[in-house]
Amino acid sequence: MPQINVTIDGRTYRMACGEGEEAHLTGLAETLDGRIGAMRKDFGAIGDMRLQVMAALTIADELAELRGRLAALETEAAALRIAAEAAERGRATDAERAAAGIGRAAERIGKLAEALGGSAPRG
């Protein structure tokens, strides 16, 4: 299992990760480090642990909000799929009715043609 060193809030940590996930873990550590740095600028010296906890909580809050938005989008997508399926069924029904109407009209035209053709004078 690969191990990498990440620096968060000025401290280096040795972390294990899955094969091929080194860059991803490094990016996550950089995100957390950046969040802590920004909070340090905003709040000053309020304690390393408090800054780390606040940064983690803000990231957790963003994750919770994104999960809620994802759930809403999944619900909307499901409703749109149902509406699209209903529209397709309606289109298929309309096409069947149109085909049946065209068939009936063709039969009538055929009968009229026979009737007209049978009564036409022959020369």
PDB file of N, CA and C in Angstrom:
ATOM      1  N   MET A   1       0.858  -1.176   0.000  1.00  0.00           N
ATOM      2  CA  MET A   1       0.000   0.000   0.000  1.00  0.00           C
ATOM      3  C   MET A   1       0.902   1.236   0.000  1.00  0.00           C
ATOM      4  N   PRO A   2       0.690   2.152  -0.954  1.00  0.00           N
ATOM      5  CA  PRO A   2       1.522   3.348  -1.032  1.00  0.00           C
ATOM      6  C   PRO A   2       1.348   4.247   0.181  1.00  0.00           C
ATOM      7  N   GLN A   3       2.409   4.944   0.505  1.00  0.00           N
ATOM      8  CA  GLN A   3       2.364   5.934   1.580  1.00  0.00           C
ATOM      9  C   GLN A   3       2.919   7.239   1.039  1.00  0.00           C
ATOM     10  N   ILE A   4       2.293   8.339   1.442  1.00  0.00           N
ATOM     11  CA  ILE A   4       2.755   9.655   1.018  1.00  0.00           C
ATOM     12  C   ILE A   4       2.830  10.568   2.229  1.00  0.00           C
ATOM     13  N   ASN A   5       3.534  11.669   2.071  1.00  0.00           N
ATOM     14  CA  ASN A   5       3.592  12.697   3.098  1.00  0.00           C
ATOM     15  C   ASN A   5       2.744  13.870   2.636  1.00  0.00           C
ATOM     16  N   VAL A   6       1.865  14.336   3.512  1.00  0.00           N
ATOM     17  CA  VAL A   6       1.062  15.522   3.230  1.00  0.00           C
ATOM     18  C   VAL A   6       1.314  16.535   4.341  1.00  0.00           C
ATOM     19  N   THR A   7       1.194  17.803   3.986  1.00  0.00           N
ATOM     20  CA  THR A   7       1.386  18.865   4.976  1.00  0.00           C
ATOM     21  C   THR A   7       0.069  19.601   5.143  1.00  0.00           C
ATOM     22  N   ILE A   8      -0.377  19.616   6.384  1.00  0.00           N
ATOM     23  CA  ILE A   8      -1.617  20.309   6.731  1.00  0.00           C
ATOM     24  C   ILE A   8      -1.322  21.217   7.913  1.00  0.00           C
ATOM     25  N   ASP A   9      -1.589  22.499   7.716  1.00  0.00           N
ATOM     26  CA  ASP A   9      -1.381  23.489   8.773  1.00  0.00           C
ATOM     27  C   ASP A   9       0.041  23.442   9.316  1.00  0.00           C
ATOM     28  N   GLY A  10       0.993  23.297   8.406  1.00  0.00           N
ATOM     29  CA  GLY A  10       2.396  23.330   8.799  1.00  0.00           C
ATOM     30  C   GLY A  10       2.935  22.037   9.380  1.00  0.00           C
ATOM     31  N   ARG A  11       2.114  21.032   9.476  1.00  0.00           N
ATOM     32  CA  ARG A  11       2.558  19.747  10.021  1.00  0.00           C
ATOM     33  C   ARG A  11       2.538  18.702   8.915  1.00  0.00           C
ATOM     34  N   THR A  12       3.540  17.832   8.941  1.00  0.00           N
ATOM     35  CA  THR A  12       3.626  16.791   7.937  1.00  0.00           C
ATOM     36  C   THR A  12       3.087  15.493   8.518  1.00  0.00           C
ATOM     37  N   TYR A  13       2.271  14.830   7.729  1.00  0.00           N
ATOM     38  CA  TYR A  13       1.664  13.563   8.142  1.00  0.00           C
ATOM     39  C   TYR A  13       1.977  12.506   7.086  1.00  0.00           C
ATOM     40  N   ARG A  14       2.328  11.322   7.535  1.00  0.00           N
ATOM     41  CA  ARG A  14       2.547  10.193   6.634  1.00  0.00           C
ATOM     42  C   ARG A  14       1.210   9.456   6.541  1.00  0.00           C
ATOM     43  N   MET A  15       0.735   9.297   5.304  1.00  0.00           N
ATOM     44  CA  MET A  15      -0.588   8.715   5.089  1.00  0.00           C
ATOM     45  C   MET A  15      -0.482   7.536   4.135  1.00  0.00           C
ATOM     46  N   ALA A  16      -1.275   6.518   4.391  1.00  0.00           N
ATOM     47  CA  ALA A  16      -1.388   5.385   3.476  1.00  0.00           C
ATOM     48  C   ALA A  16      -2.625   5.596   2.622  1.00  0.00           C
ATOM     49  N   CYS A  17      -2.560   5.085   1.398  1.00  0.00           N
ATOM     50  CA  CYS A  17      -3.707   5.215   0.507  1.00  0.00           C
ATOM     51  C   CYS A  17      -3.699   4.050  -0.473  1.00  0.00           C
ATOM     52  N   GLY A  18      -4.774   3.935  -1.215  1.00  0.00           N
ATOM     53  CA  GLY A  18      -4.878   2.891  -2.220  1.00  0.00           C
ATOM     54  C   GLY A  18      -3.940   3.164  -3.386  1.00  0.00           C
ATOM     55  N   GLU A  19      -3.605   2.121  -4.088  1.00  0.00           N
ATOM     56  CA  GLU A  19      -2.736   2.241  -5.269  1.00  0.00           C
ATOM     57  C   GLU A  19      -3.361   3.218  -6.265  1.00  0.00           C
ATOM     58  N   GLY A  20      -2.584   4.187  -6.711  1.00  0.00           N
ATOM     59  CA  GLY A  20      -3.055   5.159  -7.685  1.00  0.00           C
ATOM     60  C   GLY A  20      -3.834   6.324  -7.098  1.00  0.00           C
ATOM     61  N   GLU A  21      -4.019   6.355  -5.786  1.00  0.00           N
ATOM     62  CA  GLU A  21      -4.793   7.431  -5.159  1.00  0.00           C
ATOM     63  C   GLU A  21      -3.910   8.499  -4.507  1.00  0.00           C
ATOM     64  N   GLU A  22      -2.631   8.416  -4.770  1.00  0.00           N
ATOM     65  CA  GLU A  22      -1.692   9.351  -4.125  1.00  0.00           C
ATOM     66  C   GLU A  22      -2.011  10.805  -4.467  1.00  0.00           C
ATOM     67  N   ALA A  23      -2.214  11.103  -5.739  1.00  0.00           N
ATOM     68  CA  ALA A  23      -2.485  12.483  -6.155  1.00  0.00           C
ATOM     69  C   ALA A  23      -3.810  12.977  -5.577  1.00  0.00           C
ATOM     70  N   HIS A  24      -4.783  12.094  -5.523  1.00  0.00           N
ATOM     71  CA  HIS A  24      -6.083  12.480  -4.966  1.00  0.00           C
ATOM     72  C   HIS A  24      -5.958  12.842  -3.488  1.00  0.00           C
ATOM     73  N   LEU A  25      -5.265  12.006  -2.733  1.00  0.00           N
ATOM     74  CA  LEU A  25      -5.079  12.277  -1.303  1.00  0.00           C
ATOM     75  C   LEU A  25      -4.272  13.544  -1.098  1.00  0.00           C
ATOM     76  N   THR A  26      -3.264  13.760  -1.917  1.00  0.00           N
ATOM     77  CA  THR A  26      -2.473  14.992  -1.825  1.00  0.00           C
ATOM     78  C   THR A  26      -3.361  16.203  -2.086  1.00  0.00           C
ATOM     79  N   GLY A  27      -4.237  16.119  -3.088  1.00  0.00           N
ATOM     80  CA  GLY A  27      -5.154  17.214  -3.388  1.00  0.00           C
ATOM     81  C   GLY A  27      -6.112  17.497  -2.247  1.00  0.00           C
ATOM     82  N   LEU A  28      -6.623  16.434  -1.618  1.00  0.00           N
ATOM     83  CA  LEU A  28      -7.517  16.621  -0.468  1.00  0.00           C
ATOM     84  C   LEU A  28      -6.797  17.328   0.676  1.00  0.00           C
ATOM     85  N   ALA A  29      -5.562  16.914   0.925  1.00  0.00           N
ATOM     86  CA  ALA A  29      -4.773  17.546   1.991  1.00  0.00           C
ATOM     87  C   ALA A  29      -4.521  19.012   1.673  1.00  0.00           C
ATOM     88  N   GLU A  30      -4.246  19.314   0.404  1.00  0.00           N
ATOM     89  CA  GLU A  30      -4.021  20.706   0.008  1.00  0.00           C
ATOM     90  C   GLU A  30      -5.287  21.534   0.180  1.00  0.00           C
ATOM     91  N   THR A  31      -6.428  20.943  -0.112  1.00  0.00           N
ATOM     92  CA  THR A  31      -7.700  21.648   0.077  1.00  0.00           C
ATOM     93  C   THR A  31      -7.919  21.975   1.547  1.00  0.00           C
ATOM     94  N   LEU A  32      -7.714  20.998   2.402  1.00  0.00           N
ATOM     95  CA  LEU A  32      -7.887  21.218   3.842  1.00  0.00           C
ATOM     96  C   LEU A  32      -6.882  22.246   4.345  1.00  0.00           C
ATOM     97  N   ASP A  33      -5.637  22.142   3.906  1.00  0.00           N
ATOM     98  CA  ASP A  33      -4.603  23.088   4.322  1.00  0.00           C
ATOM     99  C   ASP A  33      -4.973  24.502   3.882  1.00  0.00           C
ATOM    100  N   GLY A  34      -5.475  24.631   2.658  1.00  0.00           N
ATOM    101  CA  GLY A  34      -5.890  25.949   2.168  1.00  0.00           C
ATOM    102  C   GLY A  34      -7.050  26.514   2.963  1.00  0.00           C
ATOM    103  N   ARG A  35      -7.987  25.664   3.323  1.00  0.00           N
ATOM    104  CA  ARG A  35      -9.147  26.103   4.107  1.00  0.00           C
ATOM    105  C   ARG A  35      -8.682  26.578   5.491  1.00  0.00           C
ATOM    106  N   ILE A  36      -7.789  25.835   6.102  1.00  0.00           N
ATOM    107  CA  ILE A  36      -7.275  26.232   7.423  1.00  0.00           C
ATOM    108  C   ILE A  36      -6.529  27.553   7.311  1.00  0.00           C
ATOM    109  N   GLY A  37      -5.716  27.706   6.251  1.00  0.00           N
ATOM    110  CA  GLY A  37      -4.972  28.950   6.054  1.00  0.00           C
ATOM    111  C   GLY A  37      -5.901  30.145   5.888  1.00  0.00           C
ATOM    112  N   ALA A  38      -6.974  29.964   5.119  1.00  0.00           N
ATOM    113  CA  ALA A  38      -7.933  31.054   4.923  1.00  0.00           C
ATOM    114  C   ALA A  38      -8.619  31.418   6.233  1.00  0.00           C
ATOM    115  N   MET A  39      -8.956  30.408   7.014  1.00  0.00           N
ATOM    116  CA  MET A  39      -9.609  30.684   8.304  1.00  0.00           C
ATOM    117  C   MET A  39      -8.642  31.352   9.273  1.00  0.00           C
ATOM    118  N   ARG A  40      -7.385  30.981   9.210  1.00  0.00           N
ATOM    119  CA  ARG A  40      -6.393  31.605  10.078  1.00  0.00           C
ATOM    120  C   ARG A  40      -6.328  33.106   9.759  1.00  0.00           C
ATOM    121  N   LYS A  41      -6.397  33.465   8.470  1.00  0.00           N
ATOM    122  CA  LYS A  41      -6.393  34.880   8.072  1.00  0.00           C
ATOM    123  C   LYS A  41      -7.646  35.580   8.583  1.00  0.00           C
ATOM    124  N   ASP A  42      -8.795  34.903   8.496  1.00  0.00           N
ATOM    125  CA  ASP A  42     -10.059  35.508   8.905  1.00  0.00           C
ATOM    126  C   ASP A  42     -10.208  35.643  10.421  1.00  0.00           C
ATOM    127  N   PHE A  43      -9.768  34.612  11.162  1.00  0.00           N
ATOM    128  CA  PHE A  43     -10.030  34.572  12.601  1.00  0.00           C
ATOM    129  C   PHE A  43      -8.808  34.821  13.475  1.00  0.00           C
ATOM    130  N   GLY A  44      -7.638  34.789  12.886  1.00  0.00           N
ATOM    131  CA  GLY A  44      -6.427  35.016  13.666  1.00  0.00           C
ATOM    132  C   GLY A  44      -6.047  33.787  14.471  1.00  0.00           C
ATOM    133  N   ALA A  45      -5.344  34.047  15.563  1.00  0.00           N
ATOM    134  CA  ALA A  45      -4.827  32.955  16.398  1.00  0.00           C
ATOM    135  C   ALA A  45      -5.899  32.500  17.382  1.00  0.00           C
ATOM    136  N   ILE A  46      -6.676  31.493  16.985  1.00  0.00           N
ATOM    137  CA  ILE A  46      -7.696  30.965  17.888  1.00  0.00           C
ATOM    138  C   ILE A  46      -7.380  29.530  18.281  1.00  0.00           C
ATOM    139  N   GLY A  47      -6.226  29.064  17.900  1.00  0.00           N
ATOM    140  CA  GLY A  47      -5.814  27.705  18.245  1.00  0.00           C
ATOM    141  C   GLY A  47      -5.842  26.797  17.039  1.00  0.00           C
ATOM    142  N   ASP A  48      -4.780  26.034  16.901  1.00  0.00           N
ATOM    143  CA  ASP A  48      -4.652  25.142  15.744  1.00  0.00           C
ATOM    144  C   ASP A  48      -5.786  24.133  15.665  1.00  0.00           C
ATOM    145  N   MET A  49      -6.074  23.506  16.781  1.00  0.00           N
ATOM    146  CA  MET A  49      -7.106  22.466  16.769  1.00  0.00           C
ATOM    147  C   MET A  49      -8.461  23.060  16.416  1.00  0.00           C
ATOM    148  N   ARG A  50      -8.788  24.210  16.955  1.00  0.00           N
ATOM    149  CA  ARG A  50     -10.063  24.851  16.660  1.00  0.00           C
ATOM    150  C   ARG A  50     -10.158  25.191  15.167  1.00  0.00           C
ATOM    151  N   LEU A  51      -9.087  25.703  14.577  1.00  0.00           N
ATOM    152  CA  LEU A  51      -9.084  26.002  13.151  1.00  0.00           C
ATOM    153  C   LEU A  51      -9.286  24.733  12.325  1.00  0.00           C
ATOM    154  N   GLN A  52      -8.623  23.674  12.713  1.00  0.00           N
ATOM    155  CA  GLN A  52      -8.753  22.413  11.985  1.00  0.00           C
ATOM    156  C   GLN A  52     -10.185  21.880  12.072  1.00  0.00           C
ATOM    157  N   VAL A  53     -10.766  21.964  13.262  1.00  0.00           N
ATOM    158  CA  VAL A  53     -12.140  21.500  13.445  1.00  0.00           C
ATOM    159  C   VAL A  53     -13.097  22.379  12.649  1.00  0.00           C
ATOM    160  N   MET A  54     -12.906  23.685  12.685  1.00  0.00           N
ATOM    161  CA  MET A  54     -13.773  24.593  11.928  1.00  0.00           C
ATOM    162  C   MET A  54     -13.663  24.323  10.425  1.00  0.00           C
ATOM    163  N   ALA A  55     -12.446  24.099   9.936  1.00  0.00           N
ATOM    164  CA  ALA A  55     -12.264  23.806   8.515  1.00  0.00           C
ATOM    165  C   ALA A  55     -12.960  22.492   8.157  1.00  0.00           C
ATOM    166  N   ALA A  56     -12.788  21.493   8.992  1.00  0.00           N
ATOM    167  CA  ALA A  56     -13.428  20.201   8.735  1.00  0.00           C
ATOM    168  C   ALA A  56     -14.951  20.345   8.756  1.00  0.00           C
ATOM    169  N   LEU A  57     -15.486  21.129   9.668  1.00  0.00           N
ATOM    170  CA  LEU A  57     -16.933  21.330   9.750  1.00  0.00           C
ATOM    171  C   LEU A  57     -17.475  22.088   8.536  1.00  0.00           C
ATOM    172  N   THR A  58     -16.734  23.078   8.059  1.00  0.00           N
ATOM    173  CA  THR A  58     -17.209  23.799   6.875  1.00  0.00           C
ATOM    174  C   THR A  58     -17.199  22.884   5.654  1.00  0.00           C
ATOM    175  N   ILE A  59     -16.201  22.029   5.548  1.00  0.00           N
ATOM    176  CA  ILE A  59     -16.165  21.074   4.436  1.00  0.00           C
ATOM    177  C   ILE A  59     -17.306  20.065   4.581  1.00  0.00           C
ATOM    178  N   ALA A  60     -17.559  19.604   5.803  1.00  0.00           N
ATOM    179  CA  ALA A  60     -18.668  18.673   6.032  1.00  0.00           C
ATOM    180  C   ALA A  60     -20.005  19.337   5.712  1.00  0.00           C
ATOM    181  N   ASP A  61     -20.136  20.626   6.037  1.00  0.00           N
ATOM    182  CA  ASP A  61     -21.364  21.366   5.723  1.00  0.00           C
ATOM    183  C   ASP A  61     -21.558  21.463   4.211  1.00  0.00           C
ATOM    184  N   GLU A  62     -20.498  21.765   3.487  1.00  0.00           N
ATOM    185  CA  GLU A  62     -20.585  21.827   2.023  1.00  0.00           C
ATOM    186  C   GLU A  62     -20.964  20.467   1.451  1.00  0.00           C
ATOM    187  N   LEU A  63     -20.391  19.412   2.002  1.00  0.00           N
ATOM    188  CA  LEU A  63     -20.704  18.067   1.538  1.00  0.00           C
ATOM    189  C   LEU A  63     -22.177  17.748   1.784  1.00  0.00           C
ATOM    190  N   ALA A  64     -22.692  18.102   2.968  1.00  0.00           N
ATOM    191  CA  ALA A  64     -24.098  17.849   3.274  1.00  0.00           C
ATOM    192  C   ALA A  64     -25.005  18.620   2.315  1.00  0.00           C
ATOM    193  N   GLU A  65     -24.646  19.863   2.021  1.00  0.00           N
ATOM    194  CA  GLU A  65     -25.440  20.671   1.088  1.00  0.00           C
ATOM    195  C   GLU A  65     -25.406  20.055  -0.308  1.00  0.00           C
ATOM    196  N   LEU A  66     -24.244  19.619  -0.751  1.00  0.00           N
ATOM    197  CA  LEU A  66     -24.126  18.996  -2.074  1.00  0.00           C
ATOM    198  C   LEU A  66     -24.890  17.681  -2.147  1.00  0.00           C
ATOM    199  N   ARG A  67     -24.880  16.923  -1.073  1.00  0.00           N
ATOM    200  CA  ARG A  67     -25.656  15.678  -1.057  1.00  0.00           C
ATOM    201  C   ARG A  67     -27.148  15.972  -1.185  1.00  0.00           C
ATOM    202  N   GLY A  68     -27.602  17.019  -0.496  1.00  0.00           N
ATOM    203  CA  GLY A  68     -29.009  17.413  -0.603  1.00  0.00           C
ATOM    204  C   GLY A  68     -29.360  17.843  -2.014  1.00  0.00           C
ATOM    205  N   ARG A  69     -28.481  18.633  -2.635  1.00  0.00           N
ATOM    206  CA  ARG A  69     -28.721  19.065  -4.014  1.00  0.00           C
ATOM    207  C   ARG A  69     -28.705  17.871  -4.958  1.00  0.00           C
ATOM    208  N   LEU A  70     -27.792  16.929  -4.729  1.00  0.00           N
ATOM    209  CA  LEU A  70     -27.730  15.728  -5.562  1.00  0.00           C
ATOM    210  C   LEU A  70     -29.016  14.917  -5.426  1.00  0.00           C
ATOM    211  N   ALA A  71     -29.508  14.761  -4.212  1.00  0.00           N
ATOM    212  CA  ALA A  71     -30.747  14.013  -4.000  1.00  0.00           C
ATOM    213  C   ALA A  71     -31.912  14.697  -4.719  1.00  0.00           C
ATOM    214  N   ALA A  72     -31.962  16.025  -4.654  1.00  0.00           N
ATOM    215  CA  ALA A  72     -33.028  16.761  -5.341  1.00  0.00           C
ATOM    216  C   ALA A  72     -32.917  16.581  -6.855  1.00  0.00           C
ATOM    217  N   LEU A  73     -31.697  16.625  -7.376  1.00  0.00           N
ATOM    218  CA  LEU A  73     -31.503  16.433  -8.812  1.00  0.00           C
ATOM    219  C   LEU A  73     -31.855  15.010  -9.245  1.00  0.00           C
ATOM    220  N   GLU A  74     -31.525  14.029  -8.400  1.00  0.00           N
ATOM    221  CA  GLU A  74     -31.885  12.646  -8.724  1.00  0.00           C
ATOM    222  C   GLU A  74     -33.405  12.474  -8.747  1.00  0.00           C
ATOM    223  N   THR A  75     -34.095  13.119  -7.812  1.00  0.00           N
ATOM    224  CA  THR A  75     -35.560  13.071  -7.780  1.00  0.00           C
ATOM    225  C   THR A  75     -36.136  13.732  -9.029  1.00  0.00           C
ATOM    226  N   GLU A  76     -35.580  14.881  -9.391  1.00  0.00           N
ATOM    227  CA  GLU A  76     -36.036  15.585 -10.589  1.00  0.00           C
ATOM    228  C   GLU A  76     -35.780  14.752 -11.836  1.00  0.00           C
ATOM    229  N   ALA A  77     -34.612  14.117 -11.911  1.00  0.00           N
ATOM    230  CA  ALA A  77     -34.292  13.277 -13.071  1.00  0.00           C
ATOM    231  C   ALA A  77     -35.254  12.096 -13.170  1.00  0.00           C
ATOM    232  N   ALA A  78     -35.594  11.508 -12.033  1.00  0.00           N
ATOM    233  CA  ALA A  78     -36.541  10.384 -12.039  1.00  0.00           C
ATOM    234  C   ALA A  78     -37.912  10.848 -12.533  1.00  0.00           C
ATOM    235  N   ALA A  79     -38.341  12.022 -12.083  1.00  0.00           N
ATOM    236  CA  ALA A  79     -39.635  12.555 -12.529  1.00  0.00           C
ATOM    237  C   ALA A  79     -39.608  12.844 -14.026  1.00  0.00           C
ATOM    238  N   LEU A  80     -38.491  13.364 -14.510  1.00  0.00           N
ATOM    239  CA  LEU A  80     -38.371  13.636 -15.946  1.00  0.00           C
ATOM    240  C   LEU A  80     -38.364  12.349 -16.760  1.00  0.00           C
ATOM    241  N   ARG A  81     -37.725  11.299 -16.227  1.00  0.00           N
ATOM    242  CA  ARG A  81     -37.744   9.994 -16.916  1.00  0.00           C
ATOM    243  C   ARG A  81     -39.171   9.473 -17.016  1.00  0.00           C
ATOM    244  N   ILE A  82     -39.934   9.588 -15.928  1.00  0.00           N
ATOM    245  CA  ILE A  82     -41.318   9.120 -15.919  1.00  0.00           C
ATOM    246  C   ILE A  82     -42.139   9.918 -16.931  1.00  0.00           C
ATOM    247  N   ALA A  83     -41.943  11.243 -16.962  1.00  0.00           N
ATOM    248  CA  ALA A  83     -42.673  12.088 -17.907  1.00  0.00           C
ATOM    249  C   ALA A  83     -42.292  11.738 -19.347  1.00  0.00           C
ATOM    250  N   ALA A  84     -41.015  11.483 -19.594  1.00  0.00           N
ATOM    251  CA  ALA A  84     -40.567  11.134 -20.947  1.00  0.00           C
ATOM    252  C   ALA A  84     -41.152   9.792 -21.376  1.00  0.00           C
ATOM    253  N   GLU A  85     -41.200   8.835 -20.458  1.00  0.00           N
ATOM    254  CA  GLU A  85     -41.783   7.528 -20.777  1.00  0.00           C
ATOM    255  C   GLU A  85     -43.275   7.669 -21.077  1.00  0.00           C
ATOM    256  N   ALA A  86     -43.974   8.501 -20.301  1.00  0.00           N
ATOM    257  CA  ALA A  86     -45.400   8.726 -20.538  1.00  0.00           C
ATOM    258  C   ALA A  86     -45.609   9.407 -21.885  1.00  0.00           C
ATOM    259  N   ALA A  87     -44.756  10.362 -22.213  1.00  0.00           N
ATOM    260  CA  ALA A  87     -44.863  11.041 -23.505  1.00  0.00           C
ATOM    261  C   ALA A  87     -44.612  10.065 -24.644  1.00  0.00           C
ATOM    262  N   GLU A  88     -43.659   9.179 -24.482  1.00  0.00           N
ATOM    263  CA  GLU A  88     -43.365   8.181 -25.514  1.00  0.00           C
ATOM    264  C   GLU A  88     -44.539   7.230 -25.693  1.00  0.00           C
ATOM    265  N   ARG A  89     -45.150   6.819 -24.573  1.00  0.00           N
ATOM    266  CA  ARG A  89     -46.336   5.962 -24.674  1.00  0.00           C
ATOM    267  C   ARG A  89     -47.463   6.695 -25.402  1.00  0.00           C
ATOM    268  N   GLY A  90     -47.646   7.966 -25.090  1.00  0.00           N
ATOM    269  CA  GLY A  90     -48.673   8.769 -25.757  1.00  0.00           C
ATOM    270  C   GLY A  90     -48.381   8.917 -27.240  1.00  0.00           C
ATOM    271  N   ARG A  91     -47.121   9.124 -27.574  1.00  0.00           N
ATOM    272  CA  ARG A  91     -46.733   9.239 -28.978  1.00  0.00           C
ATOM    273  C   ARG A  91     -47.000   7.935 -29.714  1.00  0.00           C
ATOM    274  N   ALA A  92     -46.677   6.818 -29.078  1.00  0.00           N
ATOM    275  CA  ALA A  92     -46.911   5.513 -29.704  1.00  0.00           C
ATOM    276  C   ALA A  92     -48.413   5.285 -29.901  1.00  0.00           C
ATOM    277  N   THR A  93     -49.211   5.658 -28.916  1.00  0.00           N
ATOM    278  CA  THR A  93     -50.671   5.511 -29.028  1.00  0.00           C
ATOM    279  C   THR A  93     -51.208   6.390 -30.152  1.00  0.00           C
ATOM    280  N   ASP A  94     -50.734   7.632 -30.216  1.00  0.00           N
ATOM    281  CA  ASP A  94     -51.165   8.539 -31.289  1.00  0.00           C
ATOM    282  C   ASP A  94     -50.769   7.987 -32.655  1.00  0.00           C
ATOM    283  N   ALA A  95     -49.574   7.423 -32.766  1.00  0.00           N
ATOM    284  CA  ALA A  95     -49.118   6.863 -34.045  1.00  0.00           C
ATOM    285  C   ALA A  95     -49.990   5.674 -34.445  1.00  0.00           C
ATOM    286  N   GLU A  96     -50.347   4.845 -33.468  1.00  0.00           N
ATOM    287  CA  GLU A  96     -51.218   3.699 -33.763  1.00  0.00           C
ATOM    288  C   GLU A  96     -52.594   4.171 -34.236  1.00  0.00           C
ATOM    289  N   ARG A  97     -53.144   5.183 -33.553  1.00  0.00           N
ATOM    290  CA  ARG A  97     -54.451   5.707 -33.945  1.00  0.00           C
ATOM    291  C   ARG A  97     -54.394   6.349 -35.326  1.00  0.00           C
ATOM    292  N   ALA A  98     -53.319   7.069 -35.607  1.00  0.00           N
ATOM    293  CA  ALA A  98     -53.169   7.690 -36.930  1.00  0.00           C
ATOM    294  C   ALA A  98     -53.065   6.620 -38.006  1.00  0.00           C
ATOM    295  N   ALA A  99     -52.291   5.562 -37.734  1.00  0.00           N
ATOM    296  CA  ALA A  99     -52.149   4.476 -38.712  1.00  0.00           C
ATOM    297  C   ALA A  99     -53.494   3.797 -38.957  1.00  0.00           C
ATOM    298  N   ALA A 100     -54.254   3.585 -37.885  1.00  0.00           N
ATOM    299  CA  ALA A 100     -55.570   2.961 -38.036  1.00  0.00           C
ATOM    300  C   ALA A 100     -56.490   3.870 -38.841  1.00  0.00           C
ATOM    301  N   GLY A 101     -56.463   5.168 -38.598  1.00  0.00           N
ATOM    302  CA  GLY A 101     -57.291   6.121 -39.339  1.00  0.00           C
ATOM    303  C   GLY A 101     -56.909   6.157 -40.812  1.00  0.00           C
ATOM    304  N   ILE A 102     -55.608   6.138 -41.085  1.00  0.00           N
ATOM    305  CA  ILE A 102     -55.145   6.122 -42.471  1.00  0.00           C
ATOM    306  C   ILE A 102     -55.595   4.827 -43.150  1.00  0.00           C
ATOM    307  N   GLY A 103     -55.538   3.727 -42.432  1.00  0.00           N
ATOM    308  CA  GLY A 103     -55.998   2.442 -42.978  1.00  0.00           C
ATOM    309  C   GLY A 103     -57.479   2.482 -43.325  1.00  0.00           C
ATOM    310  N   ARG A 104     -58.289   3.041 -42.417  1.00  0.00           N
ATOM    311  CA  ARG A 104     -59.736   3.151 -42.680  1.00  0.00           C
ATOM    312  C   ARG A 104     -59.996   4.067 -43.869  1.00  0.00           C
ATOM    313  N   ALA A 105     -59.269   5.163 -43.946  1.00  0.00           N
ATOM    314  CA  ALA A 105     -59.439   6.091 -45.073  1.00  0.00           C
ATOM    315  C   ALA A 105     -59.047   5.405 -46.380  1.00  0.00           C
ATOM    316  N   ALA A 106     -57.986   4.620 -46.358  1.00  0.00           N
ATOM    317  CA  ALA A 106     -57.557   3.912 -47.568  1.00  0.00           C
ATOM    318  C   ALA A 106     -58.622   2.911 -48.010  1.00  0.00           C
ATOM    319  N   GLU A 107     -59.238   2.232 -47.038  1.00  0.00           N
ATOM    320  CA  GLU A 107     -60.312   1.287 -47.383  1.00  0.00           C
ATOM    321  C   GLU A 107     -61.480   2.014 -48.039  1.00  0.00           C
ATOM    322  N   ARG A 108     -61.870   3.153 -47.477  1.00  0.00           N
ATOM    323  CA  ARG A 108     -62.976   3.929 -48.043  1.00  0.00           C
ATOM    324  C   ARG A 108     -62.638   4.406 -49.454  1.00  0.00           C
ATOM    325  N   ILE A 109     -61.441   4.893 -49.617  1.00  0.00           N
ATOM    326  CA  ILE A 109     -61.016   5.356 -50.939  1.00  0.00           C
ATOM    327  C   ILE A 109     -61.051   4.196 -51.927  1.00  0.00           C
ATOM    328  N   GLY A 110     -60.588   3.034 -51.479  1.00  0.00           N
ATOM    329  CA  GLY A 110     -60.622   1.845 -52.341  1.00  0.00           C
ATOM    330  C   GLY A 110     -62.043   1.482 -52.732  1.00  0.00           C
ATOM    331  N   LYS A 111     -62.953   1.523 -51.760  1.00  0.00           N
ATOM    332  CA  LYS A 111     -64.365   1.200 -52.051  1.00  0.00           C
ATOM    333  C   LYS A 111     -64.970   2.232 -52.987  1.00  0.00           C
ATOM    334  N   LEU A 112     -64.658   3.501 -52.772  1.00  0.00           N
ATOM    335  CA  LEU A 112     -65.163   4.550 -53.657  1.00  0.00           C
ATOM    336  C   LEU A 112     -64.600   4.374 -55.067  1.00  0.00           C
ATOM    337  N   ALA A 113     -63.331   4.028 -55.148  1.00  0.00           N
ATOM    338  CA  ALA A 113     -62.710   3.825 -56.457  1.00  0.00           C
ATOM    339  C   ALA A 113     -63.365   2.662 -57.179  1.00  0.00           C
ATOM    340  N   GLU A 114     -63.664   1.591 -56.415  1.00  0.00           N
ATOM    341  CA  GLU A 114     -64.353   0.441 -57.023  1.00  0.00           C
ATOM    342  C   GLU A 114     -65.743   0.846 -57.493  1.00  0.00           C
ATOM    343  N   ALA A 115     -66.432   1.579 -56.645  1.00  0.00           N
ATOM    344  CA  ALA A 115     -67.794   2.002 -56.993  1.00  0.00           C
ATOM    345  C   ALA A 115     -67.776   2.916 -58.214  1.00  0.00           C
ATOM    346  N   LEU A 116     -66.865   3.822 -58.247  1.00  0.00           N
ATOM    347  CA  LEU A 116     -66.766   4.748 -59.372  1.00  0.00           C
ATOM    348  C   LEU A 116     -66.273   4.010 -60.623  1.00  0.00           C
ATOM    349  N   GLY A 117     -65.368   3.105 -60.453  1.00  0.00           N
ATOM    350  CA  GLY A 117     -64.821   2.363 -61.576  1.00  0.00           C
ATOM    351  C   GLY A 117     -65.849   1.403 -62.154  1.00  0.00           C
ATOM    352  N   GLY A 118     -66.701   0.826 -61.342  1.00  0.00           N
ATOM    353  CA  GLY A 118     -67.708  -0.117 -61.799  1.00  0.00           C
ATOM    354  C   GLY A 118     -68.848   0.559 -62.525  1.00  0.00           C
ATOM    355  N   SER A 119     -69.136   1.829 -62.211  1.00  0.00           N
ATOM    356  CA  SER A 119     -70.266   2.485 -62.831  1.00  0.00           C
ATOM    357  C   SER A 119     -69.851   3.392 -63.976  1.00  0.00           C
ATOM    358  N   ALA A 120     -68.580   3.457 -64.234  1.00  0.00           N
ATOM    359  CA  ALA A 120     -68.123   4.313 -65.312  1.00  0.00           C
ATOM    360  C   ALA A 120     -68.482   3.710 -66.664  1.00  0.00           C
ATOM    361  N   PRO A 121     -68.932   4.533 -67.604  1.00  0.00           N
ATOM    362  CA  PRO A 121     -69.275   3.998 -68.929  1.00  0.00           C
ATOM    363  C   PRO A 121     -68.047   3.459 -69.641  1.00  0.00           C
ATOM    364  N   ARG A 122     -68.272   2.389 -70.358  1.00  0.00           N
ATOM    365  CA  ARG A 122     -67.169   1.800 -71.096  1.00  0.00           C
ATOM    366  C   ARG A 122     -67.310   2.163 -72.567  1.00  0.00           C
ATOM    367  N   GLY A 123     -66.220   2.518 -73.114  1.00  0.00           N
ATOM    368  CA  GLY A 123     -66.279   3.018 -74.462  1.00  0.00           C
ATOM    369  C   GLY A 123     -65.893   2.118 -75.508  1.00  0.00           C
TER     370      GLY A 123
END
